[in-house]
C-alpha atoms as a PDB file:
ATOM      1  CA  MET A   1      56.286   1.910 -33.373  1.00  0.00           C
ATOM      2  CA  ARG A   2      53.580   3.509 -35.538  1.00  0.00           C
ATOM      3  CA  ARG A   3      53.304   3.914 -39.273  1.00  0.00           C
ATOM      4  CA  PRO A   4      50.596   6.252 -40.496  1.00  0.00           C
ATOM      5  CA  ASP A   5      48.831   5.370 -43.729  1.00  0.00           C
ATOM      6  CA  GLU A   6      46.058   7.407 -45.306  1.00  0.00           C
ATOM      7  CA  ILE A   7      43.489   5.611 -47.387  1.00  0.00           C
ATOM      8  CA  ALA A   8      40.928   7.533 -49.392  1.00  0.00           C
ATOM      9  CA  PHE A   9      37.287   6.476 -49.522  1.00  0.00           C
ATOM     10  CA  PRO A  10      35.759   7.533 -52.875  1.00  0.00           C
ATOM     11  CA  GLY A  11      32.627   9.637 -52.536  1.00  0.00           C
ATOM     12  CA  HIS A  12      33.469  10.907 -49.060  1.00  0.00           C
ATOM     13  CA  ALA A  13      33.530  14.577 -48.250  1.00  0.00           C
ATOM     14  CA  SER A  14      36.998  14.180 -46.839  1.00  0.00           C
ATOM     15  CA  ALA A  15      39.844  11.692 -46.890  1.00  0.00           C
ATOM     16  CA  LEU A  16      39.819   9.044 -44.221  1.00  0.00           C
ATOM     17  CA  ALA A  17      43.107   8.610 -42.384  1.00  0.00           C
ATOM     18  CA  PHE A  18      43.865   5.230 -40.936  1.00  0.00           C
ATOM     19  CA  ARG A  19      46.876   4.493 -38.844  1.00  0.00           C
ATOM     20  CA  PHE A  20      48.369   1.044 -38.995  1.00  0.00           C
ATOM     21  CA  ILE A  21      49.289   0.810 -35.356  1.00  0.00           C
ATOM     22  CA  PHE A  22      51.933  -1.590 -34.265  1.00  0.00           C
ATOM     23  CA  ILE A  23      51.220  -1.722 -30.563  1.00  0.00           C
ATOM     24  CA  THR A  24      52.347  -4.741 -28.614  1.00  0.00           C
ATOM     25  CA  MET A  25      51.487  -5.859 -25.164  1.00  0.00           C
ATOM     26  CA  HIS A  26      52.649  -8.151 -22.391  1.00  0.00           C
ATOM     27  CA  LYS A  27      50.377 -10.926 -21.160  1.00  0.00           C
ATOM     28  CA  SER A  28      50.537 -11.864 -17.501  1.00  0.00           C
ATOM     29  CA  ALA A  29      50.767 -15.522 -16.592  1.00  0.00           C
ATOM     30  CA  LEU A  30      47.181 -15.524 -15.336  1.00  0.00           C
ATOM     31  CA  ALA A  31      45.851 -13.963 -18.536  1.00  0.00           C
ATOM     32  CA  LEU A  32      47.836 -16.413 -20.647  1.00  0.00           C
ATOM     33  CA  LEU A  33      46.527 -19.408 -18.744  1.00  0.00           C
ATOM     34  CA  THR A  34      42.990 -18.067 -19.027  1.00  0.00           C
ATOM     35  CA  ALA A  35      43.344 -17.556 -22.784  1.00  0.00           C
ATOM     36  CA  LEU A  36      44.794 -21.024 -23.263  1.00  0.00           C
ATOM     37  CA  ALA A  37      42.000 -22.563 -21.218  1.00  0.00           C
ATOM     38  CA  CYS A  38      39.394 -20.785 -23.330  1.00  0.00           C
ATOM     39  CA  LEU A  39      41.024 -21.992 -26.527  1.00  0.00           C
ATOM     40  CA  CYS A  40      41.212 -25.573 -25.327  1.00  0.00           C
ATOM     41  CA  ILE A  41      37.635 -25.838 -24.107  1.00  0.00           C
ATOM     42  CA  GLY A  42      35.184 -27.037 -26.739  1.00  0.00           C
ATOM     43  CA  VAL A  43      32.755 -24.372 -27.874  1.00  0.00           C
ATOM     44  CA  PRO A  44      29.143 -25.247 -27.055  1.00  0.00           C
ATOM     45  CA  ALA A  45      26.426 -24.884 -29.613  1.00  0.00           C
ATOM     46  CA  PRO A  46      25.094 -21.333 -29.482  1.00  0.00           C
ATOM     47  CA  ALA A  47      21.895 -20.849 -27.533  1.00  0.00           C
ATOM     48  CA  GLN A  48      20.586 -18.714 -30.312  1.00  0.00           C
ATOM     49  CA  THR A  49      21.778 -17.370 -33.615  1.00  0.00           C
ATOM     50  CA  ARG A  50      20.960 -14.211 -35.449  1.00  0.00           C
ATOM     51  CA  ALA A  51      21.611 -13.027 -38.948  1.00  0.00           C
ATOM     52  CA  ALA A  52      24.765 -10.947 -39.103  1.00  0.00           C
ATOM     53  CA  ALA A  53      24.640  -7.503 -40.603  1.00  0.00           C
ATOM     54  CA  SER A  54      26.295  -8.835 -43.734  1.00  0.00           C
ATOM     55  CA  ALA A  55      28.196 -11.818 -45.106  1.00  0.00           C
ATOM     56  CA  PRO A  56      31.891 -11.542 -46.043  1.00  0.00           C
ATOM     57  CA  ILE A  57      33.557 -12.384 -49.322  1.00  0.00           C
ATOM     58  CA  ALA A  58      34.265 -15.834 -47.874  1.00  0.00           C
ATOM     59  CA  ASN A  59      30.685 -16.685 -48.934  1.00  0.00           C
ATOM     60  CA  THR A  60      32.025 -17.470 -52.402  1.00  0.00           C
ATOM     61  CA  SER A  61      32.356 -21.097 -53.418  1.00  0.00           C
ATOM     62  CA  ALA A  62      35.388 -22.951 -52.090  1.00  0.00           C
ATOM     63  CA  THR A  63      36.303 -23.900 -55.646  1.00  0.00           C
ATOM     64  CA  ALA A  64      36.633 -20.205 -56.513  1.00  0.00           C
ATOM     65  CA  ILE A  65      39.246 -19.433 -53.844  1.00  0.00           C
ATOM     66  CA  ASP A  66      42.452 -17.798 -55.026  1.00  0.00           C
ATOM     67  CA  PRO A  67      45.260 -20.366 -54.398  1.00  0.00           C
ATOM     68  CA  GLU A  68      47.467 -17.604 -53.010  1.00  0.00           C
ATOM     69  CA  LEU A  69      44.813 -16.640 -50.459  1.00  0.00           C
ATOM     70  CA  ARG A  70      44.286 -20.284 -49.505  1.00  0.00           C
ATOM     71  CA  GLU A  71      48.003 -20.666 -48.737  1.00  0.00           C
ATOM     72  CA  LEU A  72      48.105 -17.433 -46.719  1.00  0.00           C
ATOM     73  CA  VAL A  73      45.186 -18.523 -44.554  1.00  0.00           C
ATOM     74  CA  LYS A  74      46.709 -21.974 -44.091  1.00  0.00           C
ATOM     75  CA  GLN A  75      50.015 -20.507 -42.936  1.00  0.00           C
ATOM     76  CA  ALA A  76      48.250 -18.001 -40.694  1.00  0.00           C
ATOM     77  CA  ALA A  77      46.580 -20.836 -38.801  1.00  0.00           C
ATOM     78  CA  LEU A  78      50.054 -22.088 -37.820  1.00  0.00           C
ATOM     79  CA  ASP A  79      51.484 -18.724 -36.770  1.00  0.00           C
ATOM     80  CA  THR A  80      52.081 -18.472 -33.016  1.00  0.00           C
ATOM     81  CA  ASP A  81      54.488 -15.551 -32.726  1.00  0.00           C
ATOM     82  CA  SER A  82      54.306 -13.675 -29.400  1.00  0.00           C
ATOM     83  CA  PHE A  83      54.504  -9.968 -28.711  1.00  0.00           C
ATOM     84  CA  GLY A  84      55.057  -7.585 -25.836  1.00  0.00           C
ATOM     85  CA  ASP A  85      55.214  -3.911 -24.835  1.00  0.00           C
ATOM     86  CA  ARG A  86      53.299  -3.685 -21.656  1.00  0.00           C
ATOM     87  CA  PHE A  87      52.776   0.064 -21.404  1.00  0.00           C
ATOM     88  CA  ASP A  88      51.340   0.710 -24.876  1.00  0.00           C
ATOM     89  CA  GLY A  89      49.250  -2.424 -24.647  1.00  0.00           C
ATOM     90  CA  GLU A  90      47.719  -1.466 -21.313  1.00  0.00           C
ATOM     91  CA  VAL A  91      46.882   2.037 -22.523  1.00  0.00           C
ATOM     92  CA  TRP A  92      45.153   0.669 -25.616  1.00  0.00           C
ATOM     93  CA  LEU A  93      43.300  -2.006 -23.650  1.00  0.00           C
ATOM     94  CA  ALA A  94      42.018   0.435 -21.045  1.00  0.00           C
ATOM     95  CA  ASP A  95      40.743   2.835 -23.706  1.00  0.00           C
ATOM     96  CA  MET A  96      39.051   0.218 -25.904  1.00  0.00           C
ATOM     97  CA  SER A  97      37.654  -1.707 -22.946  1.00  0.00           C
ATOM     98  CA  ARG A  98      35.810   1.407 -21.829  1.00  0.00           C
ATOM     99  CA  ARG A  99      34.292   1.836 -25.294  1.00  0.00           C
ATOM    100  CA  LEU A 100      33.319  -1.825 -25.629  1.00  0.00           C
ATOM    101  CA  GLU A 101      31.824  -2.240 -22.155  1.00  0.00           C
ATOM    102  CA  PRO A 102      28.207  -1.326 -23.083  1.00  0.00           C
ATOM    103  CA  ARG A 103      28.093  -4.206 -25.579  1.00  0.00           C
ATOM    104  CA  VAL A 104      30.344  -6.685 -23.787  1.00  0.00           C
ATOM    105  CA  PRO A 105      29.654  -6.352 -20.035  1.00  0.00           C
ATOM    106  CA  ASP A 106      31.817  -9.297 -18.936  1.00  0.00           C
ATOM    107  CA  ALA A 107      35.126  -7.637 -18.062  1.00  0.00           C
ATOM    108  CA  ARG A 108      37.270 -10.778 -18.251  1.00  0.00           C
ATOM    109  CA  TYR A 109      35.930 -11.823 -21.648  1.00  0.00           C
ATOM    110  CA  ARG A 110      36.060  -8.235 -22.937  1.00  0.00           C
ATOM    111  CA  VAL A 111      39.745  -7.814 -22.119  1.00  0.00           C
ATOM    112  CA  GLU A 112      40.670 -11.206 -23.559  1.00  0.00           C
ATOM    113  CA  LEU A 113      38.722 -10.389 -26.723  1.00  0.00           C
ATOM    114  CA  LEU A 114      40.534  -7.066 -27.115  1.00  0.00           C
ATOM    115  CA  LYS A 115      43.904  -8.732 -26.531  1.00  0.00           C
ATOM    116  CA  ASN A 116      43.132 -11.189 -29.302  1.00  0.00           C
ATOM    117  CA  VAL A 117      41.915  -8.472 -31.666  1.00  0.00           C
ATOM    118  CA  HIS A 118      45.020  -6.387 -31.057  1.00  0.00           C
ATOM    119  CA  TYR A 119      47.366  -9.328 -31.512  1.00  0.00           C
ATOM    120  CA  GLU A 120      45.733 -10.756 -34.627  1.00  0.00           C
ATOM    121  CA  ALA A 121      45.455  -7.336 -36.283  1.00  0.00           C
ATOM    122  CA  HIS A 122      49.122  -6.625 -35.520  1.00  0.00           C
ATOM    123  CA  ARG A 123      50.196 -10.049 -36.791  1.00  0.00           C
ATOM    124  CA  ALA A 124      48.370  -9.489 -40.077  1.00  0.00           C
ATOM    125  CA  GLY A 125      49.603  -5.916 -40.481  1.00  0.00           C
ATOM    126  CA  LEU A 126      46.221  -4.283 -39.922  1.00  0.00           C
ATOM    127  CA  SER A 127      45.058  -1.484 -37.665  1.00  0.00           C
ATOM    128  CA  PRO A 128      43.342  -2.989 -34.594  1.00  0.00           C
ATOM    129  CA  GLU A 129      40.819  -0.169 -34.773  1.00  0.00           C
ATOM    130  CA  VAL A 130      39.841  -1.142 -38.321  1.00  0.00           C
ATOM    131  CA  VAL A 131      39.356  -4.745 -37.217  1.00  0.00           C
ATOM    132  CA  LEU A 132      37.138  -3.592 -34.351  1.00  0.00           C
ATOM    133  CA  ALA A 133      35.070  -1.551 -36.823  1.00  0.00           C
ATOM    134  CA  VAL A 134      34.689  -4.583 -39.092  1.00  0.00           C
ATOM    135  CA  ILE A 135      33.557  -6.752 -36.163  1.00  0.00           C
ATOM    136  CA  ASP A 136      31.139  -4.015 -35.122  1.00  0.00           C
ATOM    137  CA  VAL A 137      29.438  -4.078 -38.533  1.00  0.00           C
ATOM    138  CA  GLU A 138      29.735  -7.811 -39.209  1.00  0.00           C
ATOM    139  CA  SER A 139      28.523  -9.295 -35.919  1.00  0.00           C
ATOM    140  CA  ASN A 140      28.052  -6.501 -33.361  1.00  0.00           C
ATOM    141  CA  PHE A 141      30.621  -8.404 -31.252  1.00  0.00           C
ATOM    142  CA  ASP A 142      28.442 -11.498 -31.080  1.00  0.00           C
ATOM    143  CA  GLN A 143      30.854 -14.427 -30.867  1.00  0.00           C
ATOM    144  CA  TYR A 144      28.165 -16.848 -31.998  1.00  0.00           C
ATOM    145  CA  ALA A 145      26.611 -14.793 -34.803  1.00  0.00           C
ATOM    146  CA  ILE A 146      25.537 -16.708 -37.895  1.00  0.00           C
ATOM    147  CA  SER A 147      24.523 -14.944 -41.098  1.00  0.00           C
ATOM    148  CA  THR A 148      21.761 -16.077 -43.426  1.00  0.00           C
ATOM    149  CA  ALA A 149      24.538 -17.315 -45.740  1.00  0.00           C
ATOM    150  CA  GLY A 150      26.125 -19.370 -42.953  1.00  0.00           C
ATOM    151  CA  ALA A 151      29.107 -17.130 -42.141  1.00  0.00           C
ATOM    152  CA  ARG A 152      30.115 -17.467 -38.508  1.00  0.00           C
ATOM    153  CA  GLY A 153      31.591 -15.640 -35.585  1.00  0.00           C
ATOM    154  CA  LEU A 154      32.979 -12.196 -34.934  1.00  0.00           C
ATOM    155  CA  MET A 155      34.340 -11.525 -38.429  1.00  0.00           C
ATOM    156  CA  GLN A 156      31.774 -13.698 -40.229  1.00  0.00           C
ATOM    157  CA  VAL A 157      34.026 -16.307 -41.827  1.00  0.00           C
ATOM    158  CA  MET A 158      32.535 -19.110 -43.901  1.00  0.00           C
ATOM    159  CA  PRO A 159      32.932 -22.692 -42.551  1.00  0.00           C
ATOM    160  CA  PHE A 160      34.575 -24.084 -45.702  1.00  0.00           C
ATOM    161  CA  TRP A 161      37.762 -22.222 -44.775  1.00  0.00           C
ATOM    162  CA  LEU A 162      38.492 -24.734 -42.010  1.00  0.00           C
ATOM    163  CA  LYS A 163      38.546 -27.583 -44.522  1.00  0.00           C
ATOM    164  CA  GLU A 164      40.619 -25.521 -46.951  1.00  0.00           C
ATOM    165  CA  ILE A 165      43.402 -25.044 -44.398  1.00  0.00           C
ATOM    166  CA  GLY A 166      43.286 -28.608 -43.095  1.00  0.00           C
ATOM    167  CA  ARG A 167      41.620 -27.841 -39.746  1.00  0.00           C
ATOM    168  CA  PRO A 168      38.075 -29.208 -40.149  1.00  0.00           C
ATOM    169  CA  GLY A 169      37.785 -29.929 -36.434  1.00  0.00           C
ATOM    170  CA  ASP A 170      38.315 -26.324 -35.400  1.00  0.00           C
ATOM    171  CA  SER A 171      35.455 -23.923 -34.694  1.00  0.00           C
ATOM    172  CA  LEU A 172      34.821 -20.478 -36.127  1.00  0.00           C
ATOM    173  CA  PHE A 173      33.067 -19.634 -32.868  1.00  0.00           C
ATOM    174  CA  ARG A 174      36.476 -19.664 -31.202  1.00  0.00           C
ATOM    175  CA  VAL A 175      37.698 -16.097 -30.933  1.00  0.00           C
ATOM    176  CA  HIS A 176      41.291 -16.909 -31.845  1.00  0.00           C
ATOM    177  CA  THR A 177      40.387 -18.970 -34.918  1.00  0.00           C
ATOM    178  CA  ASN A 178      37.842 -16.495 -36.251  1.00  0.00           C
ATOM    179  CA  LEU A 179      40.098 -13.472 -35.845  1.00  0.00           C
ATOM    180  CA  ARG A 180      43.119 -15.253 -37.313  1.00  0.00           C
ATOM    181  CA  LEU A 181      41.294 -16.185 -40.503  1.00  0.00           C
ATOM    182  CA  GLY A 182      39.302 -12.965 -40.797  1.00  0.00           C
ATOM    183  CA  CYS A 183      42.330 -10.703 -40.400  1.00  0.00           C
ATOM    184  CA  THR A 184      44.372 -12.750 -42.864  1.00  0.00           C
ATOM    185  CA  ILE A 185      41.637 -12.574 -45.504  1.00  0.00           C
ATOM    186  CA  LEU A 186      41.102  -8.826 -45.032  1.00  0.00           C
ATOM    187  CA  LYS A 187      44.844  -8.124 -45.242  1.00  0.00           C
ATOM    188  CA  TYR A 188      45.058 -10.147 -48.457  1.00  0.00           C
ATOM    189  CA  TYR A 189      42.389  -8.017 -50.110  1.00  0.00           C
ATOM    190  CA  LEU A 190      43.962  -4.822 -48.801  1.00  0.00           C
ATOM    191  CA  GLU A 191      47.236  -5.742 -50.489  1.00  0.00           C
ATOM    192  CA  LYS A 192      45.451  -6.751 -53.712  1.00  0.00           C
ATOM    193  CA  GLU A 193      43.736  -3.346 -53.717  1.00  0.00           C
ATOM    194  CA  LYS A 194      47.087  -1.588 -53.154  1.00  0.00           C
ATOM    195  CA  GLY A 195      46.111  -0.157 -49.793  1.00  0.00           C
ATOM    196  CA  ASN A 196      42.618   1.004 -50.768  1.00  0.00           C
ATOM    197  CA  LEU A 197      40.642  -0.018 -47.707  1.00  0.00           C
ATOM    198  CA  TYR A 198      37.332   1.022 -49.258  1.00  0.00           C
ATOM    199  CA  ALA A 199      37.809  -1.474 -52.100  1.00  0.00           C
ATOM    200  CA  ALA A 200      39.285  -4.160 -49.826  1.00  0.00           C
ATOM    201  CA  LEU A 201      36.257  -4.033 -47.536  1.00  0.00           C
ATOM    202  CA  LYS A 202      33.917  -4.474 -50.494  1.00  0.00           C
ATOM    203  CA  ARG A 203      35.820  -7.605 -51.522  1.00  0.00           C
ATOM    204  CA  TYR A 204      35.872  -8.928 -47.959  1.00  0.00           C
ATOM    205  CA  ASN A 205      32.124  -8.502 -47.699  1.00  0.00           C
ATOM    206  CA  GLY A 206      31.444  -9.739 -51.213  1.00  0.00           C
ATOM    207  CA  THR A 207      29.438  -6.717 -52.287  1.00  0.00           C
ATOM    208  CA  ARG A 208      29.580  -4.463 -55.324  1.00  0.00           C
ATOM    209  CA  GLU A 209      28.049  -1.543 -53.484  1.00  0.00           C
ATOM    210  CA  GLY A 210      29.946   0.846 -51.251  1.00  0.00           C
ATOM    211  CA  GLU A 211      27.410   0.891 -48.404  1.00  0.00           C
ATOM    212  CA  TYR A 212      29.238  -1.772 -46.395  1.00  0.00           C
ATOM    213  CA  SER A 213      32.572   0.061 -46.615  1.00  0.00           C
ATOM    214  CA  LEU A 214      30.876   3.293 -45.558  1.00  0.00           C
ATOM    215  CA  ARG A 215      29.318   1.579 -42.552  1.00  0.00           C
ATOM    216  CA  VAL A 216      32.723   0.307 -41.434  1.00  0.00           C
ATOM    217  CA  ASP A 217      34.123   3.791 -42.017  1.00  0.00           C
ATOM    218  CA  LYS A 218      31.403   5.324 -39.858  1.00  0.00           C
ATOM    219  CA  ALA A 219      31.986   2.815 -37.047  1.00  0.00           C
ATOM    220  CA  LEU A 220      35.691   3.590 -37.168  1.00  0.00           C
ATOM    221  CA  ARG A 221      35.279   7.372 -37.180  1.00  0.00           C
ATOM    222  CA  THR A 222      32.595   7.543 -34.515  1.00  0.00           C
ATOM    223  CA  HIS A 223      33.638   4.824 -32.094  1.00  0.00           C
ATOM    224  CA  TRP A 224      36.857   2.891 -32.786  1.00  0.00           C
ATOM    225  CA  PHE A 225      39.185   5.705 -33.868  1.00  0.00           C
ATOM    226  CA  ALA A 226      42.749   5.671 -32.523  1.00  0.00           C
ATOM    227  CA  GLN A 227      43.609   8.161 -29.801  1.00  0.00           C
END
């Protein structure tokens, strides 16, 4: 099922239409076992790190965290709901895999990454395409990206979040963990901004300027738009 939702970006020549897409997919037994194996294996220290394009709002001090947001992230870490609709999922995966291939050549990892993005976005009530655009700008799909402020992984989440939700032993370099927390935080700000994605992105990134939101907008419109 799909629910369209248009969100205006101030200062743009035209309104930006985002579609919150509720697409679900079926995981084969092999894919599930592969995903579980990846999640269970300890993440090695990255061979190299590079500064991410920007650091998210999670860079703020842990003592400044909104209690409501802390509880949402904590609950999100425990959420294990499944999903399925094989046809729609396969169509979406095939399309996005083709677009992502130049930056993520490994086919197996690329498909598993897209499955996780789609699932975590759907679980949080976000458009998977928006999440892909955020990852594009935040880390350029580098699983081991580290910003100058210390934010980590695909969606550039700050390490203190793991302690806040009672999972200090987890790793933000794990795809599942990073996407779960990142999507939950972004959805929280989207709701606080009453659906204004432009404003929510600024809060997620921790910036007062609109450049970051415009960069995500551009990535969405030029590369990660929904078909």
